[in-house]
Protein backbone atom coordinates (compact mmCIF):
# COMPACT_ATOMS: atom_id res chain seq x y z
CA UNK A 1 0.00 0.00 0.00
CA UNK A 2 1.35 3.42 -0.90
CA UNK A 3 2.03 5.65 2.12
CA UNK A 4 -0.40 8.32 0.94
CA UNK A 5 -3.22 5.78 0.75
CA UNK A 6 -2.32 4.50 4.22
CA UNK A 7 -2.48 8.07 5.53
CA UNK A 8 -5.85 8.67 3.85
CA UNK A 9 -7.22 5.37 5.20
CA UNK A 10 -5.95 6.21 8.72
CA UNK A 11 -7.56 9.64 8.67
CA UNK A 12 -10.87 8.23 7.40
CA UNK A 13 -10.69 5.57 10.14
CA UNK A 14 -10.22 8.29 12.78
CA UNK A 15 -13.15 10.27 11.38
CA UNK A 16 -15.35 7.17 11.48
CA UNK A 17 -14.40 6.60 15.12
CA UNK A 18 -15.25 10.21 15.95
CA UNK A 19 -18.59 9.82 14.16
CA UNK A 20 -19.23 6.57 16.03
CA UNK A 21 -18.47 8.29 19.34
CA UNK A 22 -20.98 11.01 18.44
CA UNK A 23 -23.84 8.62 17.65
CA UNK A 24 -23.37 6.24 20.58
CA UNK A 25 -25.76 7.20 23.34
CA UNK A 26 -23.96 8.68 26.33
CA UNK A 27 -23.56 6.66 29.50
CA UNK A 28 -26.00 7.28 32.33
CA UNK A 29 -24.65 9.63 34.96
CA UNK A 30 -21.55 10.65 33.02
CA UNK A 31 -22.06 14.26 33.98
CA UNK A 32 -22.40 13.26 37.62
CA UNK A 33 -24.98 14.12 40.22
CA UNK A 34 -25.28 17.10 42.55
CA UNK A 35 -23.14 17.00 45.69
CA UNK A 36 -25.29 16.75 48.85
CA UNK A 37 -23.28 19.36 50.81
CA UNK A 38 -21.86 21.81 48.27
CA UNK A 39 -24.25 23.59 45.95
CA UNK A 40 -23.08 23.70 42.34
CA UNK A 41 -20.58 20.86 42.79
CA UNK A 42 -21.08 17.60 40.92
CA UNK A 43 -20.05 14.10 42.03
CA UNK A 44 -18.59 11.72 39.49
CA UNK A 45 -20.74 8.76 38.60
CA UNK A 46 -17.88 6.30 38.74
CA UNK A 47 -15.14 5.03 36.50
CA UNK A 48 -16.66 5.85 33.11
CA UNK A 49 -13.36 5.46 31.28
CA UNK A 50 -13.49 1.71 31.96
CA UNK A 51 -16.83 1.23 30.19
CA UNK A 52 -16.48 -1.27 27.34
CA UNK A 53 -17.21 1.02 24.41
CA UNK A 54 -15.16 3.87 25.89
CA UNK A 55 -12.15 1.59 26.31
CA UNK A 56 -12.34 0.18 22.81
CA UNK A 57 -13.03 3.50 21.10
CA UNK A 58 -10.05 5.01 22.90
CA UNK A 59 -7.83 2.06 22.00
CA UNK A 60 -8.87 2.08 18.34
CA UNK A 61 -8.41 5.85 18.18
CA UNK A 62 -4.89 5.47 19.57
CA UNK A 63 -4.16 2.83 16.92
CA UNK A 64 -5.45 5.24 14.28
CA UNK A 65 -3.12 7.95 15.56
CA UNK A 66 -0.23 5.46 15.42
CA UNK A 67 -1.21 4.63 11.83
CA UNK A 68 -1.17 8.32 10.89
CA UNK A 69 2.22 8.72 12.57
CA UNK A 70 3.70 5.73 10.76
CA UNK A 71 2.20 6.80 7.41
CA UNK A 72 3.83 10.21 7.76
CA UNK A 73 7.17 8.53 8.56
CA UNK A 74 6.86 6.40 5.41
CA UNK A 75 5.95 9.45 3.32
CA UNK A 76 8.94 11.36 4.73
CA UNK A 77 11.16 8.37 3.96
CA UNK A 78 10.54 8.49 0.21
CA UNK A 79 13.48 9.16 -2.09
CA UNK A 80 13.00 9.44 -5.83
CA UNK A 81 9.38 8.38 -5.35
CA UNK A 82 10.21 5.13 -3.54
CA UNK A 83 10.52 4.18 0.10
CA UNK A 84 14.20 3.80 0.99
CA UNK A 85 15.90 0.90 2.76
CA UNK A 86 14.70 2.37 6.02
CA UNK A 87 11.18 1.32 5.05
CA UNK A 88 11.87 -2.23 6.20
CA UNK A 89 13.01 -0.93 9.59
CA UNK A 90 10.02 1.40 9.82
CA UNK A 91 7.70 -1.53 9.07
CA UNK A 92 9.30 -3.64 11.80
CA UNK A 93 9.16 -0.63 14.14
CA UNK A 94 5.47 -0.05 13.38
CA UNK A 95 4.49 -3.67 14.01
CA UNK A 96 6.53 -4.04 17.21
CA UNK A 97 5.48 -0.63 18.56
CA UNK A 98 1.80 -1.38 17.93
CA UNK A 99 2.18 -4.79 19.60
CA UNK A 100 3.92 -3.41 22.70
CA UNK A 101 1.51 -0.45 22.87
CA UNK A 102 -1.38 -2.93 22.79
CA UNK A 103 0.23 -4.97 25.56
CA UNK A 104 0.50 -1.81 27.65
CA UNK A 105 -3.18 -0.96 27.09
CA UNK A 106 -4.39 -4.50 27.87
CA UNK A 107 -2.11 -4.54 30.92
CA UNK A 108 -3.76 -1.32 32.09
CA UNK A 109 -7.26 -2.74 31.62
CA UNK A 110 -6.25 -5.83 33.59
CA UNK A 111 -4.53 -3.77 36.28
CA UNK A 112 -7.62 -1.59 36.84
CA UNK A 113 -9.99 -4.57 37.03
CA UNK A 114 -7.93 -6.93 39.19
CA UNK A 115 -6.71 -6.96 42.75
CA UNK A 116 -3.27 -8.12 41.63
CA UNK A 117 -1.45 -4.81 41.80
CA UNK A 118 2.14 -6.02 41.63
CA UNK A 119 4.86 -3.55 40.83
CA UNK A 120 7.65 -4.06 38.30
CA UNK A 121 10.76 -1.99 38.91
CA UNK A 122 8.94 0.20 41.45
CA UNK A 123 6.18 0.97 38.93
CA UNK A 124 2.67 -0.40 38.35
CA UNK A 125 2.65 -2.87 35.44
CA UNK A 126 1.14 -0.51 32.81
CA UNK A 127 3.53 2.27 33.77
CA UNK A 128 6.46 -0.16 33.69
CA UNK A 129 5.52 -1.13 30.11
CA UNK A 130 5.55 2.52 29.14
CA UNK A 131 8.71 3.57 31.01
CA UNK A 132 10.89 0.50 30.48
CA UNK A 133 9.79 -0.72 27.04
CA UNK A 134 7.90 1.79 24.90
CA UNK A 135 10.44 4.60 25.24
CA UNK A 136 13.13 2.32 23.79
CA UNK A 137 11.50 2.14 20.34
CA UNK A 138 12.20 5.74 19.25
CA UNK A 139 15.72 5.32 20.64
CA UNK A 140 16.40 2.22 18.51
CA UNK A 141 14.89 3.67 15.33
CA UNK A 142 17.00 6.81 15.87
CA UNK A 143 20.17 4.70 16.22
CA UNK A 144 19.36 2.83 12.99
CA UNK A 145 18.62 6.15 11.26
CA UNK A 146 21.94 7.68 12.36
CA UNK A 147 23.95 4.61 11.36
CA UNK A 148 22.35 4.34 7.92
CA UNK A 149 21.94 8.07 7.20
CA UNK A 150 24.40 8.10 4.28
CA UNK A 151 22.68 5.17 2.59
CA UNK A 152 19.07 6.19 3.11
CA UNK A 153 18.91 9.97 3.29
CA UNK A 154 21.76 11.63 1.41
CA UNK A 155 24.89 9.90 0.24
CA UNK A 156 28.27 11.64 0.04
CA UNK A 157 27.89 11.68 -3.77
CA UNK A 158 24.50 13.39 -3.54
CA UNK A 159 25.90 15.83 -1.00
CA UNK A 160 28.76 16.66 -3.41
CA UNK A 161 26.27 17.08 -6.25
CA UNK A 162 24.22 19.48 -4.12
CA UNK A 163 27.34 21.40 -3.10
CA UNK A 164 28.42 21.75 -6.76
CA UNK A 165 24.93 22.90 -7.70
CA UNK A 166 24.88 25.54 -4.95
CA UNK A 167 28.36 26.79 -5.83
CA UNK A 168 27.22 27.26 -9.43
CA UNK A 169 24.54 29.77 -8.43
C-alpha atoms as a PDB file:
ATOM      1  CA  UNK A   1       0.000   0.000   0.000  1.00  0.00           C
ATOM      2  CA  UNK A   2       1.350   3.416  -0.901  1.00  0.00           C
ATOM      3  CA  UNK A   3       2.035   5.647   2.122  1.00  0.00           C
ATOM      4  CA  UNK A   4      -0.400   8.322   0.937  1.00  0.00           C
ATOM      5  CA  UNK A   5      -3.219   5.779   0.747  1.00  0.00           C
ATOM      6  CA  UNK A   6      -2.321   4.501   4.215  1.00  0.00           C
ATOM      7  CA  UNK A   7      -2.483   8.068   5.532  1.00  0.00           C
ATOM      8  CA  UNK A   8      -5.848   8.669   3.850  1.00  0.00           C
ATOM      9  CA  UNK A   9      -7.223   5.367   5.202  1.00  0.00           C
ATOM     10  CA  UNK A  10      -5.952   6.209   8.716  1.00  0.00           C
ATOM     11  CA  UNK A  11      -7.563   9.643   8.675  1.00  0.00           C
ATOM     12  CA  UNK A  12     -10.872   8.230   7.401  1.00  0.00           C
ATOM     13  CA  UNK A  13     -10.685   5.569  10.139  1.00  0.00           C
ATOM     14  CA  UNK A  14     -10.216   8.290  12.775  1.00  0.00           C
ATOM     15  CA  UNK A  15     -13.151  10.271  11.382  1.00  0.00           C
ATOM     16  CA  UNK A  16     -15.348   7.169  11.482  1.00  0.00           C
ATOM     17  CA  UNK A  17     -14.404   6.596  15.116  1.00  0.00           C
ATOM     18  CA  UNK A  18     -15.251  10.206  15.946  1.00  0.00           C
ATOM     19  CA  UNK A  19     -18.587   9.819  14.162  1.00  0.00           C
ATOM     20  CA  UNK A  20     -19.234   6.568  16.033  1.00  0.00           C
ATOM     21  CA  UNK A  21     -18.471   8.289  19.341  1.00  0.00           C
ATOM     22  CA  UNK A  22     -20.977  11.006  18.440  1.00  0.00           C
ATOM     23  CA  UNK A  23     -23.842   8.623  17.650  1.00  0.00           C
ATOM     24  CA  UNK A  24     -23.366   6.236  20.581  1.00  0.00           C
ATOM     25  CA  UNK A  25     -25.756   7.198  23.340  1.00  0.00           C
ATOM     26  CA  UNK A  26     -23.962   8.683  26.334  1.00  0.00           C
ATOM     27  CA  UNK A  27     -23.561   6.657  29.497  1.00  0.00           C
ATOM     28  CA  UNK A  28     -26.003   7.281  32.331  1.00  0.00           C
ATOM     29  CA  UNK A  29     -24.654   9.634  34.957  1.00  0.00           C
ATOM     30  CA  UNK A  30     -21.549  10.652  33.015  1.00  0.00           C
ATOM     31  CA  UNK A  31     -22.063  14.265  33.980  1.00  0.00           C
ATOM     32  CA  UNK A  32     -22.402  13.265  37.617  1.00  0.00           C
ATOM     33  CA  UNK A  33     -24.976  14.123  40.219  1.00  0.00           C
ATOM     34  CA  UNK A  34     -25.281  17.097  42.552  1.00  0.00           C
ATOM     35  CA  UNK A  35     -23.138  17.004  45.694  1.00  0.00           C
ATOM     36  CA  UNK A  36     -25.294  16.755  48.848  1.00  0.00           C
ATOM     37  CA  UNK A  37     -23.283  19.356  50.806  1.00  0.00           C
ATOM     38  CA  UNK A  38     -21.864  21.809  48.275  1.00  0.00           C
ATOM     39  CA  UNK A  39     -24.252  23.592  45.955  1.00  0.00           C
ATOM     40  CA  UNK A  40     -23.080  23.704  42.341  1.00  0.00           C
ATOM     41  CA  UNK A  41     -20.575  20.862  42.786  1.00  0.00           C
ATOM     42  CA  UNK A  42     -21.081  17.598  40.924  1.00  0.00           C
ATOM     43  CA  UNK A  43     -20.047  14.096  42.034  1.00  0.00           C
ATOM     44  CA  UNK A  44     -18.589  11.723  39.492  1.00  0.00           C
ATOM     45  CA  UNK A  45     -20.741   8.764  38.605  1.00  0.00           C
ATOM     46  CA  UNK A  46     -17.881   6.295  38.736  1.00  0.00           C
ATOM     47  CA  UNK A  47     -15.140   5.025  36.504  1.00  0.00           C
ATOM     48  CA  UNK A  48     -16.663   5.847  33.109  1.00  0.00           C
ATOM     49  CA  UNK A  49     -13.355   5.460  31.281  1.00  0.00           C
ATOM     50  CA  UNK A  50     -13.486   1.709  31.957  1.00  0.00           C
ATOM     51  CA  UNK A  51     -16.826   1.229  30.185  1.00  0.00           C
ATOM     52  CA  UNK A  52     -16.479  -1.271  27.344  1.00  0.00           C
ATOM     53  CA  UNK A  53     -17.207   1.016  24.412  1.00  0.00           C
ATOM     54  CA  UNK A  54     -15.164   3.869  25.889  1.00  0.00           C
ATOM     55  CA  UNK A  55     -12.147   1.595  26.313  1.00  0.00           C
ATOM     56  CA  UNK A  56     -12.341   0.177  22.813  1.00  0.00           C
ATOM     57  CA  UNK A  57     -13.029   3.499  21.096  1.00  0.00           C
ATOM     58  CA  UNK A  58     -10.049   5.009  22.900  1.00  0.00           C
ATOM     59  CA  UNK A  59      -7.826   2.063  22.003  1.00  0.00           C
ATOM     60  CA  UNK A  60      -8.872   2.082  18.341  1.00  0.00           C
ATOM     61  CA  UNK A  61      -8.413   5.855  18.182  1.00  0.00           C
ATOM     62  CA  UNK A  62      -4.890   5.473  19.574  1.00  0.00           C
ATOM     63  CA  UNK A  63      -4.160   2.829  16.921  1.00  0.00           C
ATOM     64  CA  UNK A  64      -5.453   5.241  14.281  1.00  0.00           C
ATOM     65  CA  UNK A  65      -3.117   7.952  15.555  1.00  0.00           C
ATOM     66  CA  UNK A  66      -0.229   5.460  15.422  1.00  0.00           C
ATOM     67  CA  UNK A  67      -1.207   4.626  11.828  1.00  0.00           C
ATOM     68  CA  UNK A  68      -1.171   8.322  10.890  1.00  0.00           C
ATOM     69  CA  UNK A  69       2.218   8.721  12.571  1.00  0.00           C
ATOM     70  CA  UNK A  70       3.698   5.729  10.756  1.00  0.00           C
ATOM     71  CA  UNK A  71       2.204   6.801   7.412  1.00  0.00           C
ATOM     72  CA  UNK A  72       3.829  10.211   7.761  1.00  0.00           C
ATOM     73  CA  UNK A  73       7.169   8.533   8.555  1.00  0.00           C
ATOM     74  CA  UNK A  74       6.857   6.396   5.407  1.00  0.00           C
ATOM     75  CA  UNK A  75       5.954   9.452   3.320  1.00  0.00           C
ATOM     76  CA  UNK A  76       8.939  11.358   4.726  1.00  0.00           C
ATOM     77  CA  UNK A  77      11.159   8.365   3.956  1.00  0.00           C
ATOM     78  CA  UNK A  78      10.540   8.489   0.213  1.00  0.00           C
ATOM     79  CA  UNK A  79      13.483   9.156  -2.085  1.00  0.00           C
ATOM     80  CA  UNK A  80      13.003   9.436  -5.828  1.00  0.00           C
ATOM     81  CA  UNK A  81       9.380   8.377  -5.352  1.00  0.00           C
ATOM     82  CA  UNK A  82      10.211   5.134  -3.536  1.00  0.00           C
ATOM     83  CA  UNK A  83      10.519   4.183   0.103  1.00  0.00           C
ATOM     84  CA  UNK A  84      14.203   3.803   0.991  1.00  0.00           C
ATOM     85  CA  UNK A  85      15.900   0.900   2.758  1.00  0.00           C
ATOM     86  CA  UNK A  86      14.701   2.369   6.018  1.00  0.00           C
ATOM     87  CA  UNK A  87      11.182   1.322   5.051  1.00  0.00           C
ATOM     88  CA  UNK A  88      11.872  -2.234   6.195  1.00  0.00           C
ATOM     89  CA  UNK A  89      13.006  -0.927   9.586  1.00  0.00           C
ATOM     90  CA  UNK A  90      10.016   1.402   9.818  1.00  0.00           C
ATOM     91  CA  UNK A  91       7.702  -1.526   9.066  1.00  0.00           C
ATOM     92  CA  UNK A  92       9.301  -3.636  11.802  1.00  0.00           C
ATOM     93  CA  UNK A  93       9.162  -0.630  14.135  1.00  0.00           C
ATOM     94  CA  UNK A  94       5.467  -0.050  13.384  1.00  0.00           C
ATOM     95  CA  UNK A  95       4.489  -3.675  14.015  1.00  0.00           C
ATOM     96  CA  UNK A  96       6.527  -4.036  17.211  1.00  0.00           C
ATOM     97  CA  UNK A  97       5.485  -0.634  18.559  1.00  0.00           C
ATOM     98  CA  UNK A  98       1.799  -1.377  17.933  1.00  0.00           C
ATOM     99  CA  UNK A  99       2.175  -4.789  19.595  1.00  0.00           C
ATOM    100  CA  UNK A 100       3.920  -3.407  22.699  1.00  0.00           C
ATOM    101  CA  UNK A 101       1.510  -0.454  22.866  1.00  0.00           C
ATOM    102  CA  UNK A 102      -1.383  -2.926  22.789  1.00  0.00           C
ATOM    103  CA  UNK A 103       0.227  -4.967  25.565  1.00  0.00           C
ATOM    104  CA  UNK A 104       0.496  -1.813  27.647  1.00  0.00           C
ATOM    105  CA  UNK A 105      -3.185  -0.956  27.087  1.00  0.00           C
ATOM    106  CA  UNK A 106      -4.385  -4.500  27.868  1.00  0.00           C
ATOM    107  CA  UNK A 107      -2.115  -4.539  30.920  1.00  0.00           C
ATOM    108  CA  UNK A 108      -3.759  -1.317  32.092  1.00  0.00           C
ATOM    109  CA  UNK A 109      -7.258  -2.745  31.616  1.00  0.00           C
ATOM    110  CA  UNK A 110      -6.254  -5.833  33.588  1.00  0.00           C
ATOM    111  CA  UNK A 111      -4.533  -3.766  36.277  1.00  0.00           C
ATOM    112  CA  UNK A 112      -7.619  -1.595  36.836  1.00  0.00           C
ATOM    113  CA  UNK A 113      -9.992  -4.570  37.028  1.00  0.00           C
ATOM    114  CA  UNK A 114      -7.935  -6.929  39.191  1.00  0.00           C
ATOM    115  CA  UNK A 115      -6.714  -6.956  42.745  1.00  0.00           C
ATOM    116  CA  UNK A 116      -3.267  -8.123  41.626  1.00  0.00           C
ATOM    117  CA  UNK A 117      -1.454  -4.808  41.800  1.00  0.00           C
ATOM    118  CA  UNK A 118       2.138  -6.020  41.630  1.00  0.00           C
ATOM    119  CA  UNK A 119       4.863  -3.552  40.828  1.00  0.00           C
ATOM    120  CA  UNK A 120       7.650  -4.063  38.298  1.00  0.00           C
ATOM    121  CA  UNK A 121      10.765  -1.991  38.913  1.00  0.00           C
ATOM    122  CA  UNK A 122       8.942   0.200  41.452  1.00  0.00           C
ATOM    123  CA  UNK A 123       6.180   0.966  38.933  1.00  0.00           C
ATOM    124  CA  UNK A 124       2.672  -0.397  38.347  1.00  0.00           C
ATOM    125  CA  UNK A 125       2.648  -2.871  35.436  1.00  0.00           C
ATOM    126  CA  UNK A 126       1.136  -0.513  32.810  1.00  0.00           C
ATOM    127  CA  UNK A 127       3.529   2.266  33.767  1.00  0.00           C
ATOM    128  CA  UNK A 128       6.457  -0.161  33.694  1.00  0.00           C
ATOM    129  CA  UNK A 129       5.516  -1.131  30.113  1.00  0.00           C
ATOM    130  CA  UNK A 130       5.549   2.518  29.144  1.00  0.00           C
ATOM    131  CA  UNK A 131       8.708   3.569  31.007  1.00  0.00           C
ATOM    132  CA  UNK A 132      10.887   0.497  30.482  1.00  0.00           C
ATOM    133  CA  UNK A 133       9.790  -0.723  27.044  1.00  0.00           C
ATOM    134  CA  UNK A 134       7.905   1.789  24.898  1.00  0.00           C
ATOM    135  CA  UNK A 135      10.444   4.595  25.240  1.00  0.00           C
ATOM    136  CA  UNK A 136      13.132   2.316  23.787  1.00  0.00           C
ATOM    137  CA  UNK A 137      11.499   2.139  20.335  1.00  0.00           C
ATOM    138  CA  UNK A 138      12.201   5.737  19.250  1.00  0.00           C
ATOM    139  CA  UNK A 139      15.718   5.320  20.643  1.00  0.00           C
ATOM    140  CA  UNK A 140      16.397   2.222  18.512  1.00  0.00           C
ATOM    141  CA  UNK A 141      14.888   3.673  15.329  1.00  0.00           C
ATOM    142  CA  UNK A 142      17.003   6.812  15.873  1.00  0.00           C
ATOM    143  CA  UNK A 143      20.169   4.701  16.220  1.00  0.00           C
ATOM    144  CA  UNK A 144      19.362   2.832  12.989  1.00  0.00           C
ATOM    145  CA  UNK A 145      18.620   6.149  11.258  1.00  0.00           C
ATOM    146  CA  UNK A 146      21.935   7.679  12.363  1.00  0.00           C
ATOM    147  CA  UNK A 147      23.950   4.612  11.364  1.00  0.00           C
ATOM    148  CA  UNK A 148      22.351   4.335   7.920  1.00  0.00           C
ATOM    149  CA  UNK A 149      21.943   8.075   7.198  1.00  0.00           C
ATOM    150  CA  UNK A 150      24.401   8.099   4.278  1.00  0.00           C
ATOM    151  CA  UNK A 151      22.680   5.165   2.595  1.00  0.00           C
ATOM    152  CA  UNK A 152      19.068   6.195   3.109  1.00  0.00           C
ATOM    153  CA  UNK A 153      18.913   9.974   3.290  1.00  0.00           C
ATOM    154  CA  UNK A 154      21.762  11.632   1.411  1.00  0.00           C
ATOM    155  CA  UNK A 155      24.890   9.898   0.235  1.00  0.00           C
ATOM    156  CA  UNK A 156      28.265  11.642   0.040  1.00  0.00           C
ATOM    157  CA  UNK A 157      27.893  11.680  -3.773  1.00  0.00           C
ATOM    158  CA  UNK A 158      24.500  13.390  -3.536  1.00  0.00           C
ATOM    159  CA  UNK A 159      25.898  15.829  -0.999  1.00  0.00           C
ATOM    160  CA  UNK A 160      28.761  16.665  -3.408  1.00  0.00           C
ATOM    161  CA  UNK A 161      26.273  17.085  -6.254  1.00  0.00           C
ATOM    162  CA  UNK A 162      24.222  19.476  -4.116  1.00  0.00           C
ATOM    163  CA  UNK A 163      27.342  21.399  -3.103  1.00  0.00           C
ATOM    164  CA  UNK A 164      28.417  21.747  -6.757  1.00  0.00           C
ATOM    165  CA  UNK A 165      24.925  22.900  -7.695  1.00  0.00           C
ATOM    166  CA  UNK A 166      24.877  25.538  -4.947  1.00  0.00           C
ATOM    167  CA  UNK A 167      28.357  26.795  -5.835  1.00  0.00           C
ATOM    168  CA  UNK A 168      27.223  27.260  -9.428  1.00  0.00           C
ATOM    169  CA  UNK A 169      24.543  29.768  -8.433  1.00  0.00           C
END
